[in-house]
Amino acid sequence: MANENKQPQSDLINELNKLGENLGALLRSAWESEERKSVEREIAAGLEQMNKKLNEATEKVKTDAYVGNAKRAVKDVWETAHGPTIVTEVRQGILDTLRKINDDLAQRAHPAPEASAAGAATEQKPE
């Protein structure tokens, strides 16, 4: 009976070995198949495309941030140049100019009495 016990065990081991070999051959065949290589190329192309799009998006974000910062800087410069200080200075300049013009016009419209007498004296000189 010792032979009978060994025979089924040997058959079992042989069949498990064959199963291992067949699974190995199947995996090798699948790995080396054109279909798997095609899927690999497709995945690689897809990953490359995704990488390209991510790089483009990153550059766009950087550019948008740069443009946004530049716009804010220009706005700040504009507001500083045209801010309250400049407006106040311009307003004061206009007021000073208007006061001078009004003073000159008032002097011409209402000459001082001594200025009138001096002007009248020059006008009455015989030629």
N, C-alpha and C. Protein backbone atom coordinates (compact mmCIF):
# COMPACT_ATOMS: atom_id res chain seq x y z
N MET A 1 0.78 -1.18 0.00
CA MET A 1 0.00 0.00 0.00
C MET A 1 0.83 1.26 0.00
N ALA A 2 2.04 1.09 0.30
CA ALA A 2 2.93 2.23 0.32
C ALA A 2 3.06 2.82 -1.06
N ASN A 3 3.04 1.96 -2.10
CA ASN A 3 3.13 2.42 -3.47
C ASN A 3 1.87 3.18 -3.88
N GLU A 4 0.76 2.73 -3.42
CA GLU A 4 -0.50 3.39 -3.77
C GLU A 4 -0.57 4.78 -3.16
N ASN A 5 -0.06 4.95 -1.96
CA ASN A 5 -0.07 6.26 -1.31
C ASN A 5 0.88 7.21 -2.02
N LYS A 6 2.01 6.69 -2.48
CA LYS A 6 2.98 7.54 -3.15
C LYS A 6 2.49 7.94 -4.53
N GLN A 7 1.84 7.06 -5.22
CA GLN A 7 1.36 7.33 -6.58
C GLN A 7 0.39 8.50 -6.60
N PRO A 8 -0.68 8.52 -5.79
CA PRO A 8 -1.58 9.65 -5.83
C PRO A 8 -0.88 10.95 -5.42
N GLN A 9 0.04 10.87 -4.49
CA GLN A 9 0.76 12.06 -4.07
C GLN A 9 1.66 12.55 -5.19
N SER A 10 2.33 11.65 -5.87
CA SER A 10 3.18 12.02 -7.00
C SER A 10 2.35 12.61 -8.11
N ASP A 11 1.18 12.03 -8.36
CA ASP A 11 0.29 12.59 -9.39
C ASP A 11 -0.15 14.00 -9.01
N LEU A 12 -0.46 14.19 -7.75
CA LEU A 12 -0.90 15.51 -7.27
C LEU A 12 0.23 16.53 -7.44
N ILE A 13 1.44 16.14 -7.09
CA ILE A 13 2.59 17.03 -7.23
C ILE A 13 2.84 17.32 -8.70
N ASN A 14 2.75 16.30 -9.53
CA ASN A 14 2.94 16.49 -10.97
C ASN A 14 1.91 17.44 -11.54
N GLU A 15 0.67 17.28 -11.16
CA GLU A 15 -0.40 18.14 -11.68
C GLU A 15 -0.22 19.58 -11.18
N LEU A 16 0.19 19.76 -9.93
CA LEU A 16 0.44 21.11 -9.40
C LEU A 16 1.62 21.75 -10.14
N ASN A 17 2.64 20.96 -10.43
CA ASN A 17 3.77 21.47 -11.21
C ASN A 17 3.34 21.90 -12.60
N LYS A 18 2.52 21.04 -13.23
CA LYS A 18 2.02 21.39 -14.57
C LYS A 18 1.17 22.66 -14.50
N LEU A 19 0.34 22.76 -13.46
CA LEU A 19 -0.49 23.96 -13.30
C LEU A 19 0.40 25.20 -13.17
N GLY A 20 1.45 25.10 -12.37
CA GLY A 20 2.39 26.21 -12.21
C GLY A 20 3.05 26.57 -13.52
N GLU A 21 3.47 25.56 -14.27
CA GLU A 21 4.10 25.81 -15.56
C GLU A 21 3.12 26.46 -16.53
N ASN A 22 1.89 25.92 -16.55
CA ASN A 22 0.87 26.47 -17.46
C ASN A 22 0.52 27.91 -17.09
N LEU A 23 0.37 28.21 -15.80
CA LEU A 23 0.08 29.59 -15.38
C LEU A 23 1.25 30.51 -15.74
N GLY A 24 2.46 30.03 -15.54
CA GLY A 24 3.65 30.81 -15.90
C GLY A 24 3.69 31.08 -17.40
N ALA A 25 3.39 30.05 -18.20
CA ALA A 25 3.39 30.21 -19.66
C ALA A 25 2.28 31.17 -20.08
N LEU A 26 1.12 31.07 -19.43
CA LEU A 26 0.01 31.97 -19.75
C LEU A 26 0.38 33.42 -19.42
N LEU A 27 0.97 33.64 -18.26
CA LEU A 27 1.39 35.00 -17.88
C LEU A 27 2.46 35.53 -18.83
N ARG A 28 3.44 34.68 -19.18
CA ARG A 28 4.47 35.10 -20.14
C ARG A 28 3.85 35.45 -21.48
N SER A 29 2.93 34.60 -21.91
CA SER A 29 2.26 34.84 -23.19
C SER A 29 1.46 36.14 -23.15
N ALA A 30 0.76 36.36 -22.04
CA ALA A 30 -0.02 37.60 -21.92
C ALA A 30 0.91 38.81 -21.87
N TRP A 31 2.02 38.68 -21.15
CA TRP A 31 2.96 39.79 -21.02
C TRP A 31 3.61 40.13 -22.35
N GLU A 32 3.89 39.14 -23.13
CA GLU A 32 4.56 39.35 -24.40
C GLU A 32 3.58 39.59 -25.55
N SER A 33 2.29 39.58 -25.27
CA SER A 33 1.30 39.72 -26.34
C SER A 33 1.29 41.14 -26.90
N GLU A 34 0.89 41.25 -28.15
CA GLU A 34 0.79 42.55 -28.82
C GLU A 34 -0.31 43.39 -28.17
N GLU A 35 -1.36 42.74 -27.72
CA GLU A 35 -2.47 43.45 -27.08
C GLU A 35 -1.98 44.17 -25.82
N ARG A 36 -1.19 43.46 -24.99
CA ARG A 36 -0.65 44.08 -23.77
C ARG A 36 0.28 45.21 -24.12
N LYS A 37 1.11 45.04 -25.15
CA LYS A 37 2.04 46.08 -25.57
C LYS A 37 1.28 47.30 -26.09
N SER A 38 0.16 47.05 -26.77
CA SER A 38 -0.67 48.13 -27.28
C SER A 38 -1.29 48.92 -26.12
N VAL A 39 -1.79 48.18 -25.12
CA VAL A 39 -2.36 48.84 -23.93
C VAL A 39 -1.28 49.64 -23.22
N GLU A 40 -0.08 49.09 -23.13
CA GLU A 40 1.02 49.80 -22.49
C GLU A 40 1.34 51.10 -23.22
N ARG A 41 1.40 51.04 -24.56
CA ARG A 41 1.66 52.25 -25.35
C ARG A 41 0.54 53.28 -25.15
N GLU A 42 -0.69 52.80 -25.11
CA GLU A 42 -1.84 53.70 -24.93
C GLU A 42 -1.79 54.37 -23.55
N ILE A 43 -1.47 53.59 -22.54
CA ILE A 43 -1.35 54.16 -21.19
C ILE A 43 -0.21 55.17 -21.13
N ALA A 44 0.93 54.82 -21.74
CA ALA A 44 2.08 55.73 -21.75
C ALA A 44 1.73 57.04 -22.46
N ALA A 45 1.04 56.93 -23.60
CA ALA A 45 0.63 58.14 -24.34
C ALA A 45 -0.34 58.97 -23.51
N GLY A 46 -1.27 58.29 -22.85
CA GLY A 46 -2.24 59.00 -22.00
C GLY A 46 -1.55 59.72 -20.84
N LEU A 47 -0.60 59.05 -20.21
CA LEU A 47 0.14 59.68 -19.12
C LEU A 47 0.97 60.86 -19.61
N GLU A 48 1.54 60.72 -20.80
CA GLU A 48 2.32 61.81 -21.38
C GLU A 48 1.41 63.02 -21.66
N GLN A 49 0.23 62.76 -22.22
CA GLN A 49 -0.73 63.83 -22.49
C GLN A 49 -1.16 64.50 -21.19
N MET A 50 -1.44 63.68 -20.16
CA MET A 50 -1.85 64.23 -18.88
C MET A 50 -0.74 65.10 -18.30
N ASN A 51 0.50 64.65 -18.39
CA ASN A 51 1.64 65.42 -17.91
C ASN A 51 1.75 66.75 -18.64
N LYS A 52 1.56 66.72 -19.96
CA LYS A 52 1.62 67.94 -20.77
C LYS A 52 0.53 68.93 -20.33
N LYS A 53 -0.69 68.43 -20.13
CA LYS A 53 -1.80 69.29 -19.72
C LYS A 53 -1.56 69.86 -18.32
N LEU A 54 -1.02 69.05 -17.42
CA LEU A 54 -0.72 69.55 -16.08
C LEU A 54 0.35 70.64 -16.13
N ASN A 55 1.36 70.45 -16.98
CA ASN A 55 2.40 71.48 -17.13
C ASN A 55 1.82 72.77 -17.70
N GLU A 56 0.94 72.63 -18.69
CA GLU A 56 0.30 73.81 -19.28
C GLU A 56 -0.55 74.53 -18.24
N ALA A 57 -1.29 73.77 -17.45
CA ALA A 57 -2.13 74.38 -16.41
C ALA A 57 -1.27 75.09 -15.37
N THR A 58 -0.16 74.48 -15.01
CA THR A 58 0.75 75.09 -14.04
C THR A 58 1.31 76.40 -14.59
N GLU A 59 1.73 76.38 -15.85
CA GLU A 59 2.25 77.60 -16.47
C GLU A 59 1.19 78.69 -16.54
N LYS A 60 -0.04 78.29 -16.85
CA LYS A 60 -1.14 79.26 -16.93
C LYS A 60 -1.39 79.89 -15.57
N VAL A 61 -1.37 79.07 -14.52
CA VAL A 61 -1.57 79.60 -13.18
C VAL A 61 -0.45 80.57 -12.82
N LYS A 62 0.80 80.19 -13.16
CA LYS A 62 1.93 81.09 -12.89
C LYS A 62 1.77 82.39 -13.65
N THR A 63 1.41 82.29 -14.94
CA THR A 63 1.22 83.48 -15.77
C THR A 63 0.10 84.33 -15.24
N ASP A 64 -1.04 83.69 -14.90
CA ASP A 64 -2.17 84.44 -14.35
C ASP A 64 -1.78 85.14 -13.05
N ALA A 65 -1.02 84.46 -12.22
CA ALA A 65 -0.57 85.07 -10.97
C ALA A 65 0.35 86.26 -11.27
N TYR A 66 1.26 86.09 -12.23
CA TYR A 66 2.16 87.17 -12.61
C TYR A 66 1.37 88.36 -13.16
N VAL A 67 0.41 88.07 -14.04
CA VAL A 67 -0.41 89.13 -14.63
C VAL A 67 -1.24 89.81 -13.53
N GLY A 68 -1.79 89.01 -12.65
CA GLY A 68 -2.57 89.58 -11.54
C GLY A 68 -1.72 90.49 -10.67
N ASN A 69 -0.51 90.05 -10.36
CA ASN A 69 0.39 90.88 -9.56
C ASN A 69 0.76 92.16 -10.30
N ALA A 70 1.01 92.04 -11.60
CA ALA A 70 1.34 93.22 -12.39
C ALA A 70 0.17 94.19 -12.43
N LYS A 71 -1.05 93.66 -12.61
CA LYS A 71 -2.24 94.53 -12.63
C LYS A 71 -2.40 95.25 -11.29
N ARG A 72 -2.20 94.51 -10.20
CA ARG A 72 -2.32 95.13 -8.87
C ARG A 72 -1.25 96.21 -8.70
N ALA A 73 -0.03 95.95 -9.17
CA ALA A 73 1.04 96.93 -9.05
C ALA A 73 0.71 98.19 -9.84
N VAL A 74 0.21 98.01 -11.07
CA VAL A 74 -0.17 99.16 -11.89
C VAL A 74 -1.29 99.94 -11.22
N LYS A 75 -2.26 99.23 -10.69
CA LYS A 75 -3.38 99.88 -10.00
C LYS A 75 -2.87 100.67 -8.80
N ASP A 76 -1.95 100.07 -8.03
CA ASP A 76 -1.40 100.77 -6.87
C ASP A 76 -0.65 102.03 -7.29
N VAL A 77 0.14 101.92 -8.37
CA VAL A 77 0.87 103.09 -8.85
C VAL A 77 -0.11 104.16 -9.32
N TRP A 78 -1.13 103.74 -10.05
CA TRP A 78 -2.14 104.69 -10.54
C TRP A 78 -2.84 105.39 -9.38
N GLU A 79 -3.24 104.61 -8.39
CA GLU A 79 -3.93 105.21 -7.25
C GLU A 79 -3.00 106.13 -6.47
N THR A 80 -1.73 105.76 -6.37
CA THR A 80 -0.78 106.62 -5.67
C THR A 80 -0.57 107.92 -6.45
N ALA A 81 -0.41 107.79 -7.76
CA ALA A 81 -0.18 108.98 -8.59
C ALA A 81 -1.40 109.87 -8.67
N HIS A 82 -2.57 109.27 -8.61
CA HIS A 82 -3.80 110.05 -8.74
C HIS A 82 -4.58 110.06 -7.43
N GLY A 83 -3.90 109.75 -6.38
CA GLY A 83 -4.55 109.65 -5.09
C GLY A 83 -4.83 111.01 -4.49
N PRO A 84 -5.23 111.02 -3.24
CA PRO A 84 -5.63 112.24 -2.54
C PRO A 84 -4.54 113.31 -2.50
N THR A 85 -3.28 112.92 -2.39
CA THR A 85 -2.20 113.90 -2.33
C THR A 85 -2.15 114.72 -3.60
N ILE A 86 -2.17 114.06 -4.74
CA ILE A 86 -2.10 114.76 -6.02
C ILE A 86 -3.35 115.63 -6.20
N VAL A 87 -4.50 115.09 -5.88
CA VAL A 87 -5.75 115.85 -6.03
C VAL A 87 -5.71 117.10 -5.15
N THR A 88 -5.22 116.96 -3.94
CA THR A 88 -5.13 118.10 -3.03
C THR A 88 -4.17 119.15 -3.58
N GLU A 89 -3.03 118.68 -4.10
CA GLU A 89 -2.05 119.62 -4.66
C GLU A 89 -2.61 120.34 -5.89
N VAL A 90 -3.28 119.61 -6.75
CA VAL A 90 -3.87 120.23 -7.94
C VAL A 90 -4.95 121.22 -7.52
N ARG A 91 -5.78 120.83 -6.58
CA ARG A 91 -6.85 121.72 -6.09
C ARG A 91 -6.25 123.00 -5.53
N GLN A 92 -5.21 122.86 -4.71
CA GLN A 92 -4.57 124.03 -4.13
C GLN A 92 -3.97 124.92 -5.21
N GLY A 93 -3.35 124.31 -6.24
CA GLY A 93 -2.78 125.08 -7.34
C GLY A 93 -3.86 125.86 -8.09
N ILE A 94 -4.99 125.23 -8.32
CA ILE A 94 -6.10 125.91 -9.01
C ILE A 94 -6.62 127.06 -8.15
N LEU A 95 -6.79 126.80 -6.84
CA LEU A 95 -7.27 127.88 -5.95
C LEU A 95 -6.30 129.06 -5.93
N ASP A 96 -5.01 128.77 -5.83
CA ASP A 96 -4.02 129.86 -5.83
C ASP A 96 -4.08 130.66 -7.11
N THR A 97 -4.18 129.99 -8.23
CA THR A 97 -4.25 130.67 -9.53
C THR A 97 -5.52 131.52 -9.62
N LEU A 98 -6.66 130.95 -9.21
CA LEU A 98 -7.92 131.72 -9.25
C LEU A 98 -7.86 132.94 -8.33
N ARG A 99 -7.27 132.78 -7.16
CA ARG A 99 -7.15 133.94 -6.24
C ARG A 99 -6.30 135.05 -6.87
N LYS A 100 -5.19 134.65 -7.51
CA LYS A 100 -4.32 135.65 -8.16
C LYS A 100 -5.06 136.36 -9.28
N ILE A 101 -5.77 135.59 -10.09
CA ILE A 101 -6.53 136.20 -11.19
C ILE A 101 -7.59 137.14 -10.63
N ASN A 102 -8.32 136.69 -9.60
CA ASN A 102 -9.35 137.54 -8.99
C ASN A 102 -8.75 138.80 -8.38
N ASP A 103 -7.60 138.68 -7.72
CA ASP A 103 -6.95 139.85 -7.14
C ASP A 103 -6.54 140.83 -8.24
N ASP A 104 -5.95 140.32 -9.34
CA ASP A 104 -5.55 141.18 -10.46
C ASP A 104 -6.76 141.86 -11.08
N LEU A 105 -7.83 141.09 -11.29
CA LEU A 105 -9.05 141.69 -11.87
C LEU A 105 -9.65 142.72 -10.94
N ALA A 106 -9.66 142.45 -9.65
CA ALA A 106 -10.22 143.41 -8.68
C ALA A 106 -9.40 144.70 -8.67
N GLN A 107 -8.08 144.58 -8.76
CA GLN A 107 -7.23 145.78 -8.79
C GLN A 107 -7.50 146.60 -10.05
N ARG A 108 -7.72 145.93 -11.16
CA ARG A 108 -7.98 146.65 -12.40
C ARG A 108 -9.39 147.26 -12.40
N ALA A 109 -10.34 146.52 -11.79
CA ALA A 109 -11.71 147.03 -11.76
C ALA A 109 -11.87 148.17 -10.76
N HIS A 110 -11.18 148.13 -9.68
CA HIS A 110 -11.26 149.15 -8.62
C HIS A 110 -9.86 149.62 -8.28
N PRO A 111 -9.30 150.49 -9.11
CA PRO A 111 -7.94 150.93 -8.84
C PRO A 111 -7.87 151.73 -7.53
N ALA A 112 -6.77 151.68 -6.88
CA ALA A 112 -6.55 152.42 -5.63
C ALA A 112 -6.52 153.91 -5.96
N PRO A 113 -6.96 154.79 -5.03
CA PRO A 113 -7.02 156.23 -5.32
C PRO A 113 -5.68 156.83 -5.73
N GLU A 114 -4.58 156.46 -5.11
CA GLU A 114 -3.30 157.03 -5.52
C GLU A 114 -2.89 156.53 -6.89
N ALA A 115 -3.25 155.33 -7.22
CA ALA A 115 -2.94 154.81 -8.54
C ALA A 115 -3.77 155.56 -9.58
N SER A 116 -5.03 155.92 -9.22
CA SER A 116 -5.88 156.66 -10.15
C SER A 116 -5.32 158.05 -10.37
N ALA A 117 -4.87 158.68 -9.32
CA ALA A 117 -4.33 160.04 -9.43
C ALA A 117 -3.05 160.03 -10.25
N ALA A 118 -2.23 159.03 -10.04
CA ALA A 118 -0.98 158.95 -10.80
C ALA A 118 -1.28 158.67 -12.25
N GLY A 119 -2.28 157.84 -12.49
CA GLY A 119 -2.66 157.52 -13.85
C GLY A 119 -3.29 158.73 -14.51
N ALA A 120 -4.06 159.50 -13.78
CA ALA A 120 -4.72 160.67 -14.33
C ALA A 120 -3.69 161.76 -14.65
N ALA A 121 -2.68 161.83 -13.81
CA ALA A 121 -1.65 162.85 -14.02
C ALA A 121 -0.87 162.56 -15.29
N THR A 122 -0.61 161.34 -15.57
CA THR A 122 0.11 161.00 -16.78
C THR A 122 -0.75 161.21 -17.99
N GLU A 123 -2.04 161.03 -17.84
CA GLU A 123 -2.91 161.15 -18.98
C GLU A 123 -3.12 162.61 -19.34
N GLN A 124 -3.00 163.54 -18.38
CA GLN A 124 -3.28 164.94 -18.64
C GLN A 124 -2.05 165.71 -19.09
N LYS A 125 -0.96 165.11 -19.24
CA LYS A 125 0.24 165.79 -19.71
C LYS A 125 0.02 166.27 -21.14
N PRO A 126 0.34 167.55 -21.39
CA PRO A 126 0.23 168.02 -22.76
C PRO A 126 1.34 167.46 -23.62
N GLU A 127 1.06 167.30 -24.82
CA GLU A 127 2.06 166.73 -25.71
C GLU A 127 2.87 167.77 -26.33
